[in-house]
Each structure stands twice: as structure tokens, then as C-alpha cells.
């Protein structure tokens, strides 16, 4: 039994490593790919787009599925949007876990502002770093300090396409949502709760910000996900 784990935009596998190790200790074959352009330099990310990230996610799923009887997918932020994309593209996904996922189209006024920046020749804007409440983890930057706008624009287009097909997700799903999120403040993942056709349950995270896998609720997240995987994949 396998689990594909997907990190977020401008992030890297470190944000999901503890969770991946917890799932591996539970007996699952775990793959945690570094998505194209991530975990190296901002300049590398500027050469990639949604097709690269979604293609890498599908390739990783297919490779894991080729050697496992069943595979679940777990994603944080953009990784949550990619989780939905994989589940929409591969009906045999055994289960989905969404952690503060990006699955809702960005509001039009924000999209218009982004387009204006791009048209003016602006290539990057400052990021908010790692949106983590815990003082223990806050000093470690698990994300690039800036966001490339062209790449970000393709992310928003990809998420909009994913959102339109959420009703194709029939696998059991678990949604973990931070009460306070400074990174995706337009998306509380309500669309997942109302649009997916498979069974879905939600856990609210009361003591974490966006990068919840590194935050104060990490133990709750890990134990809840391992329990969910036991239900959809078997112990």
C-alpha cells in the first residue's frame, strides 16, 4: 500500500517530511517528490508552471501505483490542489488527504491585480515566507522568499480547472483546515465539502497557521492521517 505526498508552491519536501516518515513507520510505501523548480532556487521555479507540477504528480502516482495494490494521496496547499488533480485524473485513487488545500479559484479582483503586475513587467513579489505559528519552527524558511508571478498565474489557472471537476473525486477524503491561515485566506476549502462525490470528513486545526504540518497541530495531523489511511488502505 502506498502514499504519495505533495508539498506546496514555493515550498519543498521538508514541510512534509515528518508526516511522510510517520506514514512510512506505519508500514506504507511513501513517495515525497520534490516538485519541479522547488527546493533549489527561485530562478528554477521561474522556468516551470502548472503543467510541470501536475505532470510530476501524475508521474509519481503512476510509478507508485505500479508497485502498490492501492495508493492514497496527501497534499498541503498547492499540493492539495494537485491531490485533487490526481484524484480527478486517476479514478483508482484509494483516498485523499487535503491540508489547507488550494482548490478554489482566486477572486477576480486579485487575479486582475496579478495580471496588472505581469503586464507592467514585474517578475516576482515578496512571499510571506513560512506561515507558521510555532516559535520553534518559525526561524526555518521552508519556502522561497518571493513568488514568481508568471508561475503563480499558471497555478491559479490550474486550480480553477481542478475546481471545475471536483465532483469527479469519488475516493474517501479527509480535510484538515487551519482556523487562521494567512496564505490562502480566500479558500476555506468549502468547495471540497460540497462538491466531491465521495465521503469526506473535516478536522479543524485550532493552533496552526498555513504550513500546519510544521506547526503546533503536527501531532494531530499525523495521527489523524495515519488513522484515515488505516481505513482506506488497511493497517
Protein backbone atom coordinates (compact mmCIF):
# COMPACT_ATOMS: atom_id res chain seq x y z
CA UNK A 1 0.00 0.00 0.00
CA UNK A 2 1.38 3.38 -0.97
CA UNK A 3 1.02 7.07 -0.19
CA UNK A 4 2.01 9.94 -2.45
CA UNK A 5 2.82 13.14 -0.54
CA UNK A 6 2.85 16.54 -2.25
CA UNK A 7 4.23 19.83 -0.91
CA UNK A 8 3.11 23.37 -1.68
CA UNK A 9 4.02 26.22 -4.05
CA UNK A 10 7.48 27.72 -3.32
CA UNK A 11 7.89 25.04 -0.62
CA UNK A 12 9.87 21.82 -0.59
CA UNK A 13 9.66 18.27 0.81
CA UNK A 14 10.88 19.38 4.24
CA UNK A 15 7.39 20.67 5.02
CA UNK A 16 6.02 17.13 4.67
CA UNK A 17 8.99 15.04 5.81
CA UNK A 18 7.87 14.32 9.38
CA UNK A 19 4.43 13.28 8.13
CA UNK A 20 5.97 11.09 5.43
CA UNK A 21 8.23 9.40 7.97
CA UNK A 22 5.26 8.77 10.26
CA UNK A 23 3.37 7.09 7.43
CA UNK A 24 6.42 5.02 6.48
CA UNK A 25 6.73 3.81 10.08
CA UNK A 26 3.09 2.76 9.86
CA UNK A 27 4.09 0.40 7.06
CA UNK A 28 3.23 2.30 3.90
CA UNK A 29 5.40 2.81 0.84
CA UNK A 30 5.76 6.60 0.74
CA UNK A 31 6.89 8.85 -2.09
CA UNK A 32 7.60 12.53 -1.39
CA UNK A 33 8.81 14.07 -4.65
CA UNK A 34 10.42 17.47 -4.94
CA UNK A 35 8.23 19.22 -7.48
CA UNK A 36 9.98 20.87 -10.47
CA UNK A 37 11.55 24.22 -9.68
CA UNK A 38 11.21 23.80 -5.92
CA UNK A 39 13.82 23.32 -3.24
CA UNK A 40 16.67 24.75 -5.34
CA UNK A 41 16.40 28.40 -6.38
CA UNK A 42 13.73 30.93 -7.24
CA UNK A 43 15.24 31.17 -10.71
CA UNK A 44 14.50 27.47 -11.25
CA UNK A 45 10.88 27.95 -10.21
CA UNK A 46 10.52 30.79 -12.71
CA UNK A 47 11.08 28.31 -15.56
CA UNK A 48 8.24 25.97 -14.51
CA UNK A 49 4.45 26.06 -14.50
CA UNK A 50 1.33 24.09 -13.53
CA UNK A 51 1.87 21.55 -16.33
CA UNK A 52 5.27 20.68 -14.85
CA UNK A 53 3.97 20.27 -11.28
CA UNK A 54 0.81 18.39 -12.23
CA UNK A 55 2.75 16.21 -14.65
CA UNK A 56 5.27 15.35 -11.96
CA UNK A 57 2.47 14.49 -9.52
CA UNK A 58 0.80 12.15 -12.02
CA UNK A 59 4.11 10.53 -12.92
CA UNK A 60 4.90 9.92 -9.26
CA UNK A 61 1.43 8.48 -8.65
CA UNK A 62 1.63 6.14 -11.63
CA UNK A 63 5.07 4.90 -10.60
CA UNK A 64 3.92 4.22 -7.04
CA UNK A 65 0.68 2.62 -8.21
CA UNK A 66 2.63 0.27 -10.49
CA UNK A 67 4.15 -1.40 -7.43
CA UNK A 68 1.36 -0.97 -4.84
CA UNK A 69 -2.08 -2.53 -4.69
CA UNK A 70 -3.61 0.83 -3.74
CA UNK A 71 -2.35 4.40 -3.31
CA UNK A 72 -3.66 7.38 -1.35
CA UNK A 73 -2.57 10.98 -1.99
CA UNK A 74 -1.79 13.61 0.65
CA UNK A 75 -1.18 17.27 -0.17
CA UNK A 76 -0.53 20.61 1.51
CA UNK A 77 -1.57 23.93 -0.08
CA UNK A 78 -0.81 23.66 -3.82
CA UNK A 79 -0.11 20.02 -3.04
CA UNK A 80 -3.76 19.80 -2.01
CA UNK A 81 -4.79 21.15 -5.39
CA UNK A 82 -2.51 18.61 -7.01
CA UNK A 83 -4.06 15.89 -4.84
CA UNK A 84 -7.45 16.82 -6.27
CA UNK A 85 -5.97 16.85 -9.78
CA UNK A 86 -4.54 13.35 -9.37
CA UNK A 87 -7.83 12.04 -7.95
CA UNK A 88 -9.74 13.58 -10.85
CA UNK A 89 -7.30 12.06 -13.35
CA UNK A 90 -6.92 8.64 -11.73
CA UNK A 91 -10.23 7.16 -10.51
CA UNK A 92 -8.40 4.35 -8.70
CA UNK A 93 -7.01 6.71 -6.04
CA UNK A 94 -7.84 4.99 -2.75
CA UNK A 95 -8.11 8.11 -0.59
CA UNK A 96 -7.28 11.81 -0.48
CA UNK A 97 -5.97 13.99 2.35
CA UNK A 98 -6.12 17.75 1.92
CA UNK A 99 -4.18 20.00 4.33
CA UNK A 100 -5.07 23.69 3.89
CA UNK A 101 -5.52 22.97 0.19
CA UNK A 102 -5.71 25.41 -2.67
CA UNK A 103 -8.78 24.23 -4.58
CA UNK A 104 -10.83 27.39 -5.10
CA UNK A 105 -10.26 29.94 -7.89
CA UNK A 106 -8.69 33.18 -6.76
CA UNK A 107 -11.10 36.14 -6.53
CA UNK A 108 -11.26 38.09 -9.78
CA UNK A 109 -10.03 41.34 -8.24
CA UNK A 110 -6.88 39.62 -7.03
CA UNK A 111 -6.42 37.98 -10.40
CA UNK A 112 -6.80 41.34 -12.13
CA UNK A 113 -4.16 42.83 -9.84
CA UNK A 114 -1.78 39.98 -10.62
CA UNK A 115 -2.30 40.48 -14.35
CA UNK A 116 -1.56 44.18 -13.98
CA UNK A 117 1.75 43.42 -12.28
CA UNK A 118 2.69 40.96 -15.02
CA UNK A 119 1.74 43.42 -17.77
CA UNK A 120 3.91 46.05 -16.07
CA UNK A 121 6.89 43.72 -16.27
CA UNK A 122 7.05 42.74 -12.60
CA UNK A 123 8.55 39.26 -12.35
CA UNK A 124 8.29 38.49 -8.62
CA UNK A 125 6.63 39.71 -5.46
CA UNK A 126 7.68 39.14 -1.87
CA UNK A 127 6.30 35.98 -0.31
CA UNK A 128 5.21 35.68 3.29
CA UNK A 129 7.79 33.01 3.99
CA UNK A 130 6.63 30.12 6.07
CA UNK A 131 3.23 30.88 7.62
CA UNK A 132 3.88 29.02 10.90
CA UNK A 133 2.59 29.90 14.35
CA UNK A 134 5.08 27.80 16.32
CA UNK A 135 8.09 29.75 17.58
CA UNK A 136 10.18 26.57 17.32
CA UNK A 137 9.78 26.35 13.54
CA UNK A 138 9.33 29.98 12.55
CA UNK A 139 13.03 30.68 12.06
CA UNK A 140 13.35 27.99 9.39
CA UNK A 141 12.27 29.24 5.99
CA UNK A 142 10.58 26.29 4.34
CA UNK A 143 9.67 28.35 1.29
CA UNK A 144 11.25 30.78 -1.15
CA UNK A 145 11.16 34.40 -0.01
CA UNK A 146 9.49 35.54 -3.25
CA UNK A 147 6.90 34.26 -5.70
CA UNK A 148 7.36 34.35 -9.50
CA UNK A 149 4.22 35.89 -10.97
CA UNK A 150 4.10 34.02 -14.29
CA UNK A 151 4.35 30.69 -12.48
CA UNK A 152 1.78 31.85 -9.93
CA UNK A 153 -0.60 32.79 -12.73
CA UNK A 154 -0.45 29.26 -14.14
CA UNK A 155 -1.08 27.88 -10.66
CA UNK A 156 -4.28 29.87 -10.38
CA UNK A 157 -5.40 28.70 -13.84
CA UNK A 158 -4.67 25.10 -12.91
CA UNK A 159 -6.59 25.38 -9.66
CA UNK A 160 -9.59 26.84 -11.49
CA UNK A 161 -9.64 23.83 -13.80
CA UNK A 162 -9.32 21.47 -10.84
CA UNK A 163 -12.20 23.21 -9.07
CA UNK A 164 -14.50 22.68 -12.05
CA UNK A 165 -14.00 18.90 -11.78
CA UNK A 166 -14.16 18.38 -8.02
CA UNK A 167 -17.30 16.28 -8.46
CA UNK A 168 -15.12 13.64 -10.14
CA UNK A 169 -13.46 12.85 -6.79
CA UNK A 170 -15.20 9.72 -5.51
CA UNK A 171 -12.46 8.49 -3.17
CA UNK A 172 -12.90 8.92 0.59
CA UNK A 173 -11.32 12.21 1.69
CA UNK A 174 -10.03 13.86 4.84
CA UNK A 175 -9.78 17.66 5.05
CA UNK A 176 -7.64 19.40 7.67
CA UNK A 177 -8.17 23.15 7.88
CA UNK A 178 -6.44 25.80 9.99
CA UNK A 179 -8.77 28.31 11.61
CA UNK A 180 -6.19 31.01 10.90
CA UNK A 181 -4.42 30.94 7.55
CA UNK A 182 -2.52 33.97 6.21
CA UNK A 183 -1.52 32.38 2.92
CA UNK A 184 -4.77 31.16 1.35
CA UNK A 185 -7.27 33.45 3.03
CA UNK A 186 -9.81 33.26 0.19
CA UNK A 187 -10.13 29.49 0.26
CA UNK A 188 -11.52 27.66 3.29
CA UNK A 189 -11.99 24.51 1.18
CA UNK A 190 -15.78 24.69 1.40
CA UNK A 191 -15.94 23.54 -2.24
CA UNK A 192 -14.39 20.22 -1.28
CA UNK A 193 -17.05 19.67 1.37
CA UNK A 194 -19.89 20.41 -1.03
CA UNK A 195 -18.65 19.23 -4.43
CA UNK A 196 -16.78 15.93 -4.05
CA UNK A 197 -18.97 12.89 -4.53
CA UNK A 198 -17.09 10.57 -2.18
CA UNK A 199 -17.37 10.63 1.62
CA UNK A 200 -15.42 13.48 3.23
CA UNK A 201 -14.74 14.47 6.83
CA UNK A 202 -13.13 17.62 8.21
CA UNK A 203 -10.85 18.34 11.15
CA UNK A 204 -10.31 21.95 12.22
CA UNK A 205 -6.79 22.89 13.32
CA UNK A 206 -7.02 25.38 16.16
CA UNK A 207 -3.35 26.11 16.84
CA UNK A 208 -1.63 26.27 13.45
CA UNK A 209 -1.27 28.62 10.50
CA UNK A 210 -0.93 27.62 6.85
CA UNK A 211 2.09 25.30 6.99
CA UNK A 212 0.31 23.20 9.57
CA UNK A 213 2.50 20.12 9.08
CA UNK A 214 5.33 22.03 10.79
CA UNK A 215 3.14 23.77 13.34
CA UNK A 216 1.57 23.16 16.74
CA UNK A 217 -1.02 20.71 15.40
CA UNK A 218 1.52 18.44 13.70
CA UNK A 219 0.84 15.52 16.04
CA UNK A 220 -2.91 15.78 15.50
CA UNK A 221 -2.37 15.93 11.75
CA UNK A 222 -0.07 12.93 11.64
CA UNK A 223 -2.14 10.70 13.91
CA UNK A 224 -5.38 11.62 12.13
CA UNK A 225 -3.90 10.89 8.72
CA UNK A 226 -2.43 7.55 9.78
CA UNK A 227 -5.84 6.58 11.19
CA UNK A 228 -7.54 7.63 7.94
CA UNK A 229 -5.04 5.66 5.87
CA UNK A 230 -5.77 2.63 8.03
CA UNK A 231 -9.41 2.93 6.97
CA UNK A 232 -8.82 3.39 3.23
CA UNK A 233 -5.67 1.31 2.73
CA UNK A 234 -5.64 -1.04 5.67
CA UNK A 235 -3.16 -1.17 8.53
